[in-house]
């Protein structure tokens, strides 16, 4: 439910020692899955061309690495988790309690003024929502705009979300639009969901 600070430190540390080509490719792949790709596309292409023209120029490689690391840091500050570049999000209709046999678990997901909050467990969706509301209230977190009652399953790098009997069709469609608009930010808010 909360984002660990160590993820950013570990990411920054690994970036410092990554091969410049690998770092550039990972960044390009990640950005290609965001709505911001068009604003970075020319810069990424220029960096690639400069590296190809001067493959043995260590000063140039250092300069481009520094610029790439700054770009990645900016993306993290915007809420992106670059380690999720290979992860996907899929919305898959509605399910009932029988889906537990298929490996699905219950999830309640709230959107508030300051972000997304979730709780998973074996209790029914209404009970989980009550537990989450109590936890948020005791933490002084308010302003919840949306509540979603879902089933989820992780299948490799794919997160599958389905509506429950408690979720309305309109609410689930709205959630699907939110996820489709920016799946990487959505996945980032659910990263700790196992």
N, C-alpha and C. Protein backbone atom coordinates (compact mmCIF):
# COMPACT_ATOMS: atom_id res chain seq x y z
N UNK A 1 0.81 -1.18 0.00
CA UNK A 1 0.00 0.00 0.00
C UNK A 1 0.86 1.25 0.00
N UNK A 2 2.01 1.21 0.62
CA UNK A 2 2.92 2.36 0.62
C UNK A 2 4.11 2.04 -0.26
N UNK A 3 4.68 3.06 -0.86
CA UNK A 3 5.84 2.84 -1.74
C UNK A 3 7.11 2.85 -0.92
N UNK A 4 7.93 1.82 -1.02
CA UNK A 4 9.18 1.81 -0.27
C UNK A 4 10.20 2.75 -0.90
N UNK A 5 10.91 3.47 -0.05
CA UNK A 5 11.93 4.41 -0.51
C UNK A 5 13.13 3.66 -1.09
N UNK A 6 13.37 2.44 -0.62
CA UNK A 6 14.54 1.69 -1.08
C UNK A 6 14.47 1.36 -2.56
N UNK A 7 13.28 1.29 -3.13
CA UNK A 7 13.16 0.97 -4.56
C UNK A 7 13.85 2.04 -5.39
N UNK A 8 13.67 3.30 -5.02
CA UNK A 8 14.30 4.40 -5.75
C UNK A 8 15.81 4.39 -5.59
N UNK A 9 16.29 4.09 -4.38
CA UNK A 9 17.73 4.04 -4.12
C UNK A 9 18.36 2.89 -4.89
N UNK A 10 17.72 1.72 -4.83
CA UNK A 10 18.25 0.55 -5.55
C UNK A 10 18.26 0.81 -7.05
N UNK A 11 17.20 1.43 -7.56
CA UNK A 11 17.13 1.74 -8.99
C UNK A 11 18.22 2.70 -9.41
N UNK A 12 18.44 3.74 -8.60
CA UNK A 12 19.48 4.72 -8.92
C UNK A 12 20.86 4.08 -8.86
N UNK A 13 21.09 3.19 -7.89
CA UNK A 13 22.37 2.51 -7.77
C UNK A 13 22.65 1.63 -8.98
N UNK A 14 21.63 0.86 -9.41
CA UNK A 14 21.84 -0.03 -10.55
C UNK A 14 22.03 0.77 -11.84
N UNK A 15 21.39 1.93 -11.95
CA UNK A 15 21.56 2.77 -13.13
C UNK A 15 23.00 3.26 -13.26
N UNK A 16 23.62 3.52 -12.12
CA UNK A 16 24.97 4.07 -12.15
C UNK A 16 25.98 3.09 -12.75
N UNK A 17 25.70 1.80 -12.61
CA UNK A 17 26.64 0.80 -13.08
C UNK A 17 26.14 0.00 -14.28
N UNK A 18 25.01 0.37 -14.82
CA UNK A 18 24.48 -0.33 -15.99
C UNK A 18 25.20 0.10 -17.26
N UNK A 19 25.27 -0.81 -18.20
CA UNK A 19 25.79 -0.50 -19.52
C UNK A 19 24.92 0.59 -20.14
N UNK A 20 25.55 1.57 -20.79
CA UNK A 20 24.81 2.70 -21.36
C UNK A 20 23.77 2.25 -22.37
N UNK A 21 24.09 1.24 -23.20
CA UNK A 21 23.14 0.76 -24.20
C UNK A 21 21.95 0.08 -23.54
N UNK A 22 22.22 -0.68 -22.49
CA UNK A 22 21.14 -1.34 -21.77
C UNK A 22 20.23 -0.30 -21.11
N UNK A 23 20.83 0.69 -20.49
CA UNK A 23 20.06 1.74 -19.83
C UNK A 23 19.20 2.51 -20.83
N UNK A 24 19.77 2.81 -21.99
CA UNK A 24 19.03 3.53 -23.03
C UNK A 24 17.88 2.67 -23.57
N UNK A 25 18.13 1.39 -23.78
CA UNK A 25 17.08 0.49 -24.29
C UNK A 25 15.95 0.33 -23.27
N UNK A 26 16.31 0.12 -22.00
CA UNK A 26 15.29 -0.03 -20.96
C UNK A 26 14.44 1.22 -20.84
N UNK A 27 15.09 2.37 -20.90
CA UNK A 27 14.36 3.64 -20.79
C UNK A 27 13.43 3.83 -21.98
N UNK A 28 13.93 3.53 -23.17
CA UNK A 28 13.11 3.64 -24.38
C UNK A 28 11.91 2.71 -24.31
N UNK A 29 12.14 1.45 -23.92
CA UNK A 29 11.05 0.48 -23.80
C UNK A 29 10.01 0.94 -22.78
N UNK A 30 10.49 1.45 -21.66
CA UNK A 30 9.56 1.92 -20.64
C UNK A 30 8.73 3.09 -21.16
N UNK A 31 9.40 4.10 -21.70
CA UNK A 31 8.69 5.29 -22.17
C UNK A 31 7.72 4.98 -23.30
N UNK A 32 8.05 3.98 -24.12
CA UNK A 32 7.17 3.64 -25.24
C UNK A 32 5.80 3.15 -24.74
N UNK A 33 5.70 2.77 -23.47
CA UNK A 33 4.44 2.31 -22.89
C UNK A 33 3.71 3.40 -22.12
N UNK A 34 4.21 4.64 -22.22
CA UNK A 34 3.57 5.75 -21.53
C UNK A 34 3.02 6.76 -22.53
N UNK A 35 2.15 7.61 -22.04
CA UNK A 35 1.61 8.66 -22.90
C UNK A 35 2.63 9.78 -23.12
N UNK A 36 3.71 9.80 -22.34
CA UNK A 36 4.74 10.82 -22.46
C UNK A 36 5.80 10.50 -23.52
N UNK A 37 5.70 9.34 -24.15
CA UNK A 37 6.74 8.90 -25.09
C UNK A 37 7.05 9.94 -26.16
N UNK A 38 6.04 10.56 -26.71
CA UNK A 38 6.26 11.50 -27.82
C UNK A 38 7.14 12.68 -27.41
N UNK A 39 7.07 13.09 -26.16
CA UNK A 39 7.90 14.23 -25.74
C UNK A 39 9.36 13.83 -25.52
N UNK A 40 9.66 12.55 -25.41
CA UNK A 40 11.03 12.09 -25.21
C UNK A 40 11.61 11.37 -26.43
N UNK A 41 10.79 11.05 -27.38
CA UNK A 41 11.21 10.21 -28.51
C UNK A 41 12.40 10.79 -29.26
N UNK A 42 12.38 12.08 -29.59
CA UNK A 42 13.49 12.69 -30.33
C UNK A 42 14.79 12.65 -29.52
N UNK A 43 14.70 12.93 -28.22
CA UNK A 43 15.90 12.92 -27.38
C UNK A 43 16.50 11.52 -27.32
N UNK A 44 15.67 10.51 -27.16
CA UNK A 44 16.15 9.13 -27.11
C UNK A 44 16.83 8.75 -28.43
N UNK A 45 16.25 9.17 -29.53
CA UNK A 45 16.82 8.89 -30.85
C UNK A 45 18.17 9.60 -31.01
N UNK A 46 18.25 10.85 -30.54
CA UNK A 46 19.52 11.59 -30.63
C UNK A 46 20.61 10.93 -29.80
N UNK A 47 20.28 10.50 -28.58
CA UNK A 47 21.27 9.82 -27.76
C UNK A 47 21.78 8.56 -28.45
N UNK A 48 20.87 7.79 -29.02
CA UNK A 48 21.24 6.56 -29.71
C UNK A 48 22.17 6.86 -30.90
N UNK A 49 21.82 7.87 -31.68
CA UNK A 49 22.62 8.24 -32.85
C UNK A 49 24.02 8.72 -32.43
N UNK A 50 24.09 9.54 -31.40
CA UNK A 50 25.39 10.04 -30.93
C UNK A 50 26.28 8.90 -30.45
N UNK A 51 25.68 7.94 -29.73
CA UNK A 51 26.46 6.79 -29.26
C UNK A 51 26.93 5.91 -30.42
N UNK A 52 26.11 5.77 -31.45
CA UNK A 52 26.50 4.97 -32.61
C UNK A 52 27.62 5.64 -33.40
N UNK A 53 27.60 6.97 -33.50
CA UNK A 53 28.63 7.70 -34.23
C UNK A 53 29.97 7.73 -33.50
N UNK A 54 29.92 7.66 -32.17
CA UNK A 54 31.15 7.71 -31.38
C UNK A 54 31.15 6.59 -30.35
N UNK A 55 31.28 5.33 -30.80
CA UNK A 55 31.15 4.20 -29.89
C UNK A 55 32.25 4.09 -28.83
N UNK A 56 33.40 4.72 -29.06
CA UNK A 56 34.51 4.60 -28.11
C UNK A 56 34.74 5.87 -27.31
N UNK A 57 33.83 6.81 -27.38
CA UNK A 57 33.97 8.09 -26.68
C UNK A 57 33.40 7.95 -25.27
N UNK A 58 34.28 7.72 -24.29
CA UNK A 58 33.82 7.49 -22.92
C UNK A 58 33.24 8.76 -22.29
N UNK A 59 33.74 9.94 -22.70
CA UNK A 59 33.18 11.19 -22.17
C UNK A 59 31.74 11.37 -22.64
N UNK A 60 31.49 11.07 -23.90
CA UNK A 60 30.14 11.16 -24.43
C UNK A 60 29.22 10.16 -23.73
N UNK A 61 29.69 8.95 -23.55
CA UNK A 61 28.89 7.93 -22.86
C UNK A 61 28.55 8.38 -21.44
N UNK A 62 29.52 8.98 -20.76
CA UNK A 62 29.30 9.48 -19.40
C UNK A 62 28.25 10.61 -19.40
N UNK A 63 28.36 11.51 -20.36
CA UNK A 63 27.41 12.63 -20.46
C UNK A 63 25.99 12.11 -20.71
N UNK A 64 25.86 11.19 -21.64
CA UNK A 64 24.53 10.64 -21.96
C UNK A 64 23.98 9.84 -20.78
N UNK A 65 24.85 9.07 -20.11
CA UNK A 65 24.41 8.33 -18.93
C UNK A 65 23.87 9.29 -17.87
N UNK A 66 24.57 10.38 -17.63
CA UNK A 66 24.13 11.38 -16.64
C UNK A 66 22.76 11.95 -17.02
N UNK A 67 22.57 12.24 -18.30
CA UNK A 67 21.29 12.77 -18.76
C UNK A 67 20.17 11.73 -18.64
N UNK A 68 20.50 10.48 -18.96
CA UNK A 68 19.52 9.39 -18.83
C UNK A 68 19.12 9.17 -17.37
N UNK A 69 20.10 9.18 -16.49
CA UNK A 69 19.82 8.99 -15.07
C UNK A 69 18.93 10.13 -14.56
N UNK A 70 19.19 11.35 -15.01
CA UNK A 70 18.35 12.49 -14.61
C UNK A 70 16.92 12.32 -15.13
N UNK A 71 16.79 11.84 -16.37
CA UNK A 71 15.46 11.60 -16.94
C UNK A 71 14.72 10.54 -16.12
N UNK A 72 15.41 9.45 -15.80
CA UNK A 72 14.78 8.37 -15.03
C UNK A 72 14.40 8.84 -13.63
N UNK A 73 15.23 9.67 -13.04
CA UNK A 73 14.91 10.22 -11.72
C UNK A 73 13.65 11.08 -11.81
N UNK A 74 13.54 11.88 -12.85
CA UNK A 74 12.35 12.69 -13.05
C UNK A 74 11.10 11.84 -13.22
N UNK A 75 11.23 10.74 -13.95
CA UNK A 75 10.09 9.83 -14.12
C UNK A 75 9.67 9.22 -12.79
N UNK A 76 10.65 8.85 -11.96
CA UNK A 76 10.32 8.29 -10.65
C UNK A 76 9.61 9.33 -9.78
N UNK A 77 10.05 10.58 -9.88
CA UNK A 77 9.40 11.65 -9.10
C UNK A 77 7.96 11.88 -9.56
N UNK A 78 7.66 11.54 -10.81
CA UNK A 78 6.30 11.64 -11.33
C UNK A 78 5.44 10.45 -10.90
N UNK A 79 6.05 9.48 -10.22
CA UNK A 79 5.30 8.32 -9.73
C UNK A 79 5.53 7.05 -10.51
N UNK A 80 6.37 7.09 -11.53
CA UNK A 80 6.64 5.89 -12.32
C UNK A 80 7.64 4.99 -11.61
N UNK A 81 7.45 3.71 -11.78
CA UNK A 81 8.37 2.70 -11.27
C UNK A 81 8.95 2.00 -12.49
N UNK A 82 10.18 2.34 -12.84
CA UNK A 82 10.78 1.83 -14.06
C UNK A 82 11.03 0.33 -14.04
N UNK A 83 10.98 -0.29 -12.86
CA UNK A 83 11.17 -1.74 -12.80
C UNK A 83 9.95 -2.49 -13.34
N UNK A 84 8.85 -1.77 -13.60
CA UNK A 84 7.63 -2.41 -14.08
C UNK A 84 7.50 -2.39 -15.60
N UNK A 85 8.57 -2.09 -16.30
CA UNK A 85 8.51 -1.95 -17.76
C UNK A 85 7.99 -3.19 -18.47
N UNK A 86 8.23 -4.36 -17.91
CA UNK A 86 7.79 -5.60 -18.57
C UNK A 86 6.46 -6.12 -18.02
N UNK A 87 5.87 -5.40 -17.08
CA UNK A 87 4.62 -5.83 -16.46
C UNK A 87 3.43 -5.32 -17.26
N UNK A 88 2.34 -6.11 -17.24
CA UNK A 88 1.13 -5.72 -17.96
C UNK A 88 -0.07 -5.79 -17.02
N UNK A 89 -1.10 -5.06 -17.41
CA UNK A 89 -2.34 -4.99 -16.66
C UNK A 89 -3.47 -5.45 -17.58
N UNK A 90 -4.32 -6.34 -17.07
CA UNK A 90 -5.44 -6.80 -17.89
C UNK A 90 -6.72 -6.78 -17.06
N UNK A 91 -7.75 -6.18 -17.61
CA UNK A 91 -9.07 -6.19 -17.00
C UNK A 91 -9.86 -7.31 -17.66
N UNK A 92 -10.46 -8.16 -16.83
CA UNK A 92 -11.08 -9.37 -17.37
C UNK A 92 -12.46 -9.60 -16.75
N UNK A 93 -13.42 -8.79 -17.13
CA UNK A 93 -14.82 -9.00 -16.78
C UNK A 93 -15.11 -9.12 -15.30
N UNK A 94 -16.14 -9.89 -14.99
CA UNK A 94 -16.58 -10.07 -13.61
C UNK A 94 -16.44 -11.53 -13.20
N UNK A 95 -16.23 -11.73 -11.91
CA UNK A 95 -16.09 -13.08 -11.36
C UNK A 95 -16.88 -13.16 -10.05
N UNK A 96 -17.11 -14.40 -9.61
CA UNK A 96 -17.74 -14.61 -8.31
C UNK A 96 -16.81 -15.44 -7.44
N UNK A 97 -17.30 -15.86 -6.28
CA UNK A 97 -16.46 -16.57 -5.31
C UNK A 97 -15.83 -17.84 -5.86
N UNK A 98 -16.40 -18.41 -6.89
CA UNK A 98 -15.85 -19.65 -7.46
C UNK A 98 -14.46 -19.43 -8.05
N UNK A 99 -14.10 -18.19 -8.35
CA UNK A 99 -12.80 -17.93 -8.97
C UNK A 99 -11.62 -18.15 -8.02
N UNK A 100 -11.92 -18.33 -6.74
CA UNK A 100 -10.85 -18.64 -5.78
C UNK A 100 -10.13 -19.92 -6.21
N UNK A 101 -10.87 -20.87 -6.77
CA UNK A 101 -10.27 -22.13 -7.24
C UNK A 101 -9.31 -21.88 -8.40
N UNK A 102 -9.48 -20.76 -9.11
CA UNK A 102 -8.60 -20.41 -10.23
C UNK A 102 -7.39 -19.59 -9.79
N UNK A 103 -7.27 -19.35 -8.48
CA UNK A 103 -6.13 -18.61 -7.96
C UNK A 103 -6.38 -17.13 -7.75
N UNK A 104 -7.63 -16.68 -7.85
CA UNK A 104 -7.95 -15.27 -7.63
C UNK A 104 -8.12 -14.99 -6.14
N UNK A 105 -7.85 -13.75 -5.76
CA UNK A 105 -8.02 -13.29 -4.38
C UNK A 105 -8.82 -12.00 -4.37
N UNK A 106 -9.39 -11.68 -3.23
CA UNK A 106 -10.18 -10.46 -3.08
C UNK A 106 -9.27 -9.24 -2.90
N UNK A 107 -9.75 -8.11 -3.44
CA UNK A 107 -9.01 -6.85 -3.37
C UNK A 107 -10.03 -5.71 -3.31
N UNK A 108 -9.78 -4.76 -2.40
CA UNK A 108 -10.52 -3.50 -2.44
C UNK A 108 -9.50 -2.42 -2.77
N UNK A 109 -9.89 -1.51 -3.64
CA UNK A 109 -9.00 -0.47 -4.13
C UNK A 109 -9.73 0.86 -4.03
N UNK A 110 -9.14 1.80 -3.30
CA UNK A 110 -9.72 3.13 -3.13
C UNK A 110 -8.81 4.14 -3.81
N UNK A 111 -9.41 5.15 -4.43
CA UNK A 111 -8.66 6.27 -4.97
C UNK A 111 -9.02 7.50 -4.17
N UNK A 112 -7.99 8.18 -3.67
CA UNK A 112 -8.20 9.40 -2.90
C UNK A 112 -7.43 10.55 -3.48
N UNK A 113 -7.47 11.66 -2.78
CA UNK A 113 -6.78 12.87 -3.24
C UNK A 113 -5.27 12.67 -3.33
N UNK A 114 -4.74 11.80 -2.47
CA UNK A 114 -3.29 11.62 -2.41
C UNK A 114 -2.79 10.34 -3.07
N UNK A 115 -3.68 9.58 -3.70
CA UNK A 115 -3.22 8.37 -4.37
C UNK A 115 -4.18 7.22 -4.24
N UNK A 116 -3.62 6.02 -4.45
CA UNK A 116 -4.41 4.79 -4.41
C UNK A 116 -4.06 4.01 -3.14
N UNK A 117 -5.08 3.37 -2.57
CA UNK A 117 -4.92 2.57 -1.36
C UNK A 117 -5.64 1.25 -1.59
N UNK A 118 -5.05 0.18 -1.11
CA UNK A 118 -5.66 -1.12 -1.36
C UNK A 118 -5.46 -2.04 -0.17
N UNK A 119 -6.29 -3.06 -0.14
CA UNK A 119 -6.18 -4.10 0.86
C UNK A 119 -6.70 -5.39 0.23
N UNK A 120 -5.95 -6.45 0.40
CA UNK A 120 -6.39 -7.76 -0.09
C UNK A 120 -6.51 -8.69 1.10
N UNK A 121 -7.28 -9.75 0.93
CA UNK A 121 -7.43 -10.70 2.02
C UNK A 121 -8.51 -11.71 1.72
N UNK A 122 -8.81 -12.53 2.71
CA UNK A 122 -9.78 -13.60 2.54
C UNK A 122 -11.18 -13.21 2.98
N UNK A 123 -11.31 -12.12 3.74
CA UNK A 123 -12.63 -11.65 4.15
C UNK A 123 -13.41 -11.20 2.93
N UNK A 124 -14.74 -11.04 3.08
CA UNK A 124 -15.52 -10.58 1.94
C UNK A 124 -15.18 -9.12 1.62
N UNK A 125 -15.59 -8.69 0.45
CA UNK A 125 -15.20 -7.36 -0.03
C UNK A 125 -15.68 -6.23 0.90
N UNK A 126 -16.87 -6.35 1.42
CA UNK A 126 -17.42 -5.31 2.30
C UNK A 126 -16.58 -5.21 3.58
N UNK A 127 -16.22 -6.36 4.16
CA UNK A 127 -15.39 -6.37 5.37
C UNK A 127 -14.01 -5.78 5.08
N UNK A 128 -13.41 -6.16 3.95
CA UNK A 128 -12.10 -5.61 3.59
C UNK A 128 -12.18 -4.09 3.43
N UNK A 129 -13.25 -3.61 2.79
CA UNK A 129 -13.42 -2.17 2.62
C UNK A 129 -13.52 -1.48 3.97
N UNK A 130 -14.24 -2.08 4.90
CA UNK A 130 -14.35 -1.52 6.25
C UNK A 130 -13.02 -1.46 6.95
N UNK A 131 -12.22 -2.52 6.83
CA UNK A 131 -10.88 -2.52 7.44
C UNK A 131 -10.01 -1.42 6.83
N UNK A 132 -10.08 -1.27 5.51
CA UNK A 132 -9.26 -0.26 4.84
C UNK A 132 -9.71 1.14 5.25
N UNK A 133 -11.01 1.37 5.31
CA UNK A 133 -11.51 2.69 5.73
C UNK A 133 -11.06 3.03 7.14
N UNK A 134 -11.12 2.05 8.04
CA UNK A 134 -10.67 2.26 9.42
C UNK A 134 -9.19 2.60 9.47
N UNK A 135 -8.41 1.88 8.69
CA UNK A 135 -6.96 2.12 8.64
C UNK A 135 -6.66 3.52 8.09
N UNK A 136 -7.34 3.92 7.04
CA UNK A 136 -7.13 5.24 6.46
C UNK A 136 -7.57 6.34 7.42
N UNK A 137 -8.74 6.15 8.06
CA UNK A 137 -9.23 7.14 9.02
C UNK A 137 -8.25 7.32 10.18
N UNK A 138 -7.72 6.21 10.70
CA UNK A 138 -6.79 6.30 11.82
C UNK A 138 -5.46 6.94 11.41
N UNK A 139 -5.15 6.91 10.11
CA UNK A 139 -3.93 7.54 9.60
C UNK A 139 -4.17 9.00 9.19
N UNK A 140 -5.42 9.45 9.31
CA UNK A 140 -5.75 10.82 8.94
C UNK A 140 -5.88 11.03 7.44
N UNK A 141 -6.06 9.94 6.70
CA UNK A 141 -6.20 10.02 5.25
C UNK A 141 -7.68 10.06 4.90
N UNK A 142 -8.08 11.08 4.20
CA UNK A 142 -9.49 11.22 3.82
C UNK A 142 -9.61 11.53 2.35
N UNK A 143 -10.77 12.00 1.96
CA UNK A 143 -10.98 12.40 0.57
C UNK A 143 -11.02 11.25 -0.40
N UNK A 144 -11.57 10.11 0.00
CA UNK A 144 -11.68 8.96 -0.90
C UNK A 144 -12.76 9.26 -1.94
N UNK A 145 -12.38 9.20 -3.21
CA UNK A 145 -13.29 9.51 -4.32
C UNK A 145 -13.96 8.28 -4.91
N UNK A 146 -13.23 7.18 -4.93
CA UNK A 146 -13.75 5.97 -5.58
C UNK A 146 -13.38 4.74 -4.75
N UNK A 147 -14.29 3.78 -4.77
CA UNK A 147 -14.07 2.49 -4.12
C UNK A 147 -14.36 1.39 -5.14
N UNK A 148 -13.44 0.42 -5.21
CA UNK A 148 -13.62 -0.69 -6.16
C UNK A 148 -13.44 -2.01 -5.41
N UNK A 149 -14.28 -2.97 -5.78
CA UNK A 149 -14.33 -4.29 -5.14
C UNK A 149 -13.99 -5.32 -6.21
N UNK A 150 -12.79 -5.88 -6.12
CA UNK A 150 -12.23 -6.63 -7.24
C UNK A 150 -11.74 -8.02 -6.84
N UNK A 151 -11.50 -8.81 -7.86
CA UNK A 151 -10.75 -10.05 -7.77
C UNK A 151 -9.46 -9.83 -8.54
N UNK A 152 -8.35 -10.39 -8.06
CA UNK A 152 -7.09 -10.24 -8.78
C UNK A 152 -6.31 -11.55 -8.77
N UNK A 153 -5.43 -11.65 -9.76
CA UNK A 153 -4.49 -12.76 -9.83
C UNK A 153 -3.25 -12.27 -10.57
N UNK A 154 -2.10 -12.63 -10.06
CA UNK A 154 -0.84 -12.37 -10.76
C UNK A 154 -0.50 -13.62 -11.54
N UNK A 155 -0.18 -13.43 -12.80
CA UNK A 155 0.21 -14.54 -13.67
C UNK A 155 1.50 -14.10 -14.35
N UNK A 156 2.63 -14.49 -13.77
CA UNK A 156 3.92 -14.00 -14.25
C UNK A 156 3.99 -12.50 -14.03
N UNK A 157 4.25 -11.76 -15.10
CA UNK A 157 4.33 -10.30 -15.02
C UNK A 157 3.00 -9.63 -15.34
N UNK A 158 1.93 -10.40 -15.39
CA UNK A 158 0.62 -9.84 -15.71
C UNK A 158 -0.25 -9.80 -14.46
N UNK A 159 -0.88 -8.65 -14.23
CA UNK A 159 -1.86 -8.50 -13.16
C UNK A 159 -3.24 -8.49 -13.81
N UNK A 160 -4.07 -9.46 -13.41
CA UNK A 160 -5.43 -9.58 -13.95
C UNK A 160 -6.40 -9.07 -12.89
N UNK A 161 -7.26 -8.13 -13.28
CA UNK A 161 -8.27 -7.58 -12.38
C UNK A 161 -9.65 -7.87 -12.95
N UNK A 162 -10.53 -8.33 -12.09
CA UNK A 162 -11.93 -8.60 -12.46
C UNK A 162 -12.83 -7.97 -11.42
N UNK A 163 -14.01 -7.57 -11.84
CA UNK A 163 -14.99 -7.02 -10.91
C UNK A 163 -15.62 -8.13 -10.09
N UNK A 164 -16.06 -7.77 -8.89
CA UNK A 164 -16.77 -8.72 -8.03
C UNK A 164 -18.26 -8.43 -8.09
N UNK A 165 -19.04 -9.23 -7.39
CA UNK A 165 -20.47 -9.00 -7.35
C UNK A 165 -20.81 -7.66 -6.70
N UNK A 166 -19.92 -7.14 -5.87
CA UNK A 166 -20.14 -5.87 -5.17
C UNK A 166 -19.82 -4.66 -6.06
N UNK A 167 -19.05 -4.86 -7.09
CA UNK A 167 -18.62 -3.79 -8.00
C UNK A 167 -19.69 -3.56 -9.08
N UNK A 168 -20.06 -2.30 -9.29
CA UNK A 168 -21.02 -2.03 -10.36
C UNK A 168 -20.31 -2.03 -11.71
N UNK A 169 -21.07 -2.29 -12.75
CA UNK A 169 -20.51 -2.32 -14.10
C UNK A 169 -19.93 -0.97 -14.48
N UNK A 170 -20.62 0.11 -14.12
CA UNK A 170 -20.14 1.47 -14.44
C UNK A 170 -18.84 1.78 -13.71
N UNK A 171 -18.75 1.38 -12.42
CA UNK A 171 -17.51 1.62 -11.67
C UNK A 171 -16.35 0.83 -12.26
N UNK A 172 -16.62 -0.40 -12.67
CA UNK A 172 -15.56 -1.22 -13.25
C UNK A 172 -15.09 -0.65 -14.58
N UNK A 173 -16.00 -0.16 -15.40
CA UNK A 173 -15.61 0.47 -16.67
C UNK A 173 -14.77 1.72 -16.43
N UNK A 174 -15.13 2.51 -15.42
CA UNK A 174 -14.35 3.70 -15.08
C UNK A 174 -12.94 3.29 -14.64
N UNK A 175 -12.85 2.24 -13.82
CA UNK A 175 -11.55 1.73 -13.38
C UNK A 175 -10.72 1.26 -14.57
N UNK A 176 -11.37 0.57 -15.49
CA UNK A 176 -10.67 0.09 -16.68
C UNK A 176 -10.13 1.27 -17.50
N UNK A 177 -10.89 2.34 -17.62
CA UNK A 177 -10.41 3.53 -18.35
C UNK A 177 -9.22 4.16 -17.64
N UNK A 178 -9.25 4.19 -16.31
CA UNK A 178 -8.13 4.73 -15.54
C UNK A 178 -6.88 3.89 -15.80
N UNK A 179 -7.03 2.57 -15.73
CA UNK A 179 -5.90 1.66 -15.96
C UNK A 179 -5.38 1.72 -17.37
N UNK A 180 -6.28 1.81 -18.34
CA UNK A 180 -5.86 1.86 -19.75
C UNK A 180 -5.17 3.18 -20.08
N UNK A 181 -5.57 4.26 -19.41
CA UNK A 181 -4.97 5.58 -19.68
C UNK A 181 -3.50 5.63 -19.27
N UNK A 182 -3.16 4.94 -18.19
CA UNK A 182 -1.76 4.95 -17.75
C UNK A 182 -1.49 3.68 -16.95
N UNK A 183 -1.32 2.55 -17.64
CA UNK A 183 -1.16 1.27 -16.94
C UNK A 183 0.07 1.20 -16.04
N UNK A 184 1.15 1.88 -16.39
CA UNK A 184 2.35 1.78 -15.56
C UNK A 184 2.17 2.50 -14.22
N UNK A 185 1.50 3.64 -14.20
CA UNK A 185 1.21 4.29 -12.92
C UNK A 185 0.24 3.45 -12.10
N UNK A 186 -0.73 2.86 -12.77
CA UNK A 186 -1.70 1.99 -12.11
C UNK A 186 -0.98 0.80 -11.49
N UNK A 187 -0.12 0.15 -12.26
CA UNK A 187 0.64 -1.01 -11.76
C UNK A 187 1.55 -0.60 -10.60
N UNK A 188 2.12 0.60 -10.68
CA UNK A 188 2.99 1.08 -9.62
C UNK A 188 2.25 1.18 -8.30
N UNK A 189 1.00 1.63 -8.35
CA UNK A 189 0.22 1.76 -7.12
C UNK A 189 -0.13 0.40 -6.53
N UNK A 190 -0.07 -0.66 -7.32
CA UNK A 190 -0.39 -2.01 -6.86
C UNK A 190 0.83 -2.93 -6.81
N UNK A 191 2.01 -2.33 -6.82
CA UNK A 191 3.25 -3.13 -6.92
C UNK A 191 3.38 -4.16 -5.80
N UNK A 192 3.01 -3.79 -4.60
CA UNK A 192 3.17 -4.70 -3.46
C UNK A 192 2.11 -5.78 -3.38
N UNK A 193 1.17 -5.77 -4.29
CA UNK A 193 0.10 -6.76 -4.30
C UNK A 193 0.63 -8.09 -4.83
N UNK A 194 0.62 -9.09 -4.00
CA UNK A 194 1.14 -10.42 -4.39
C UNK A 194 0.04 -11.43 -4.45
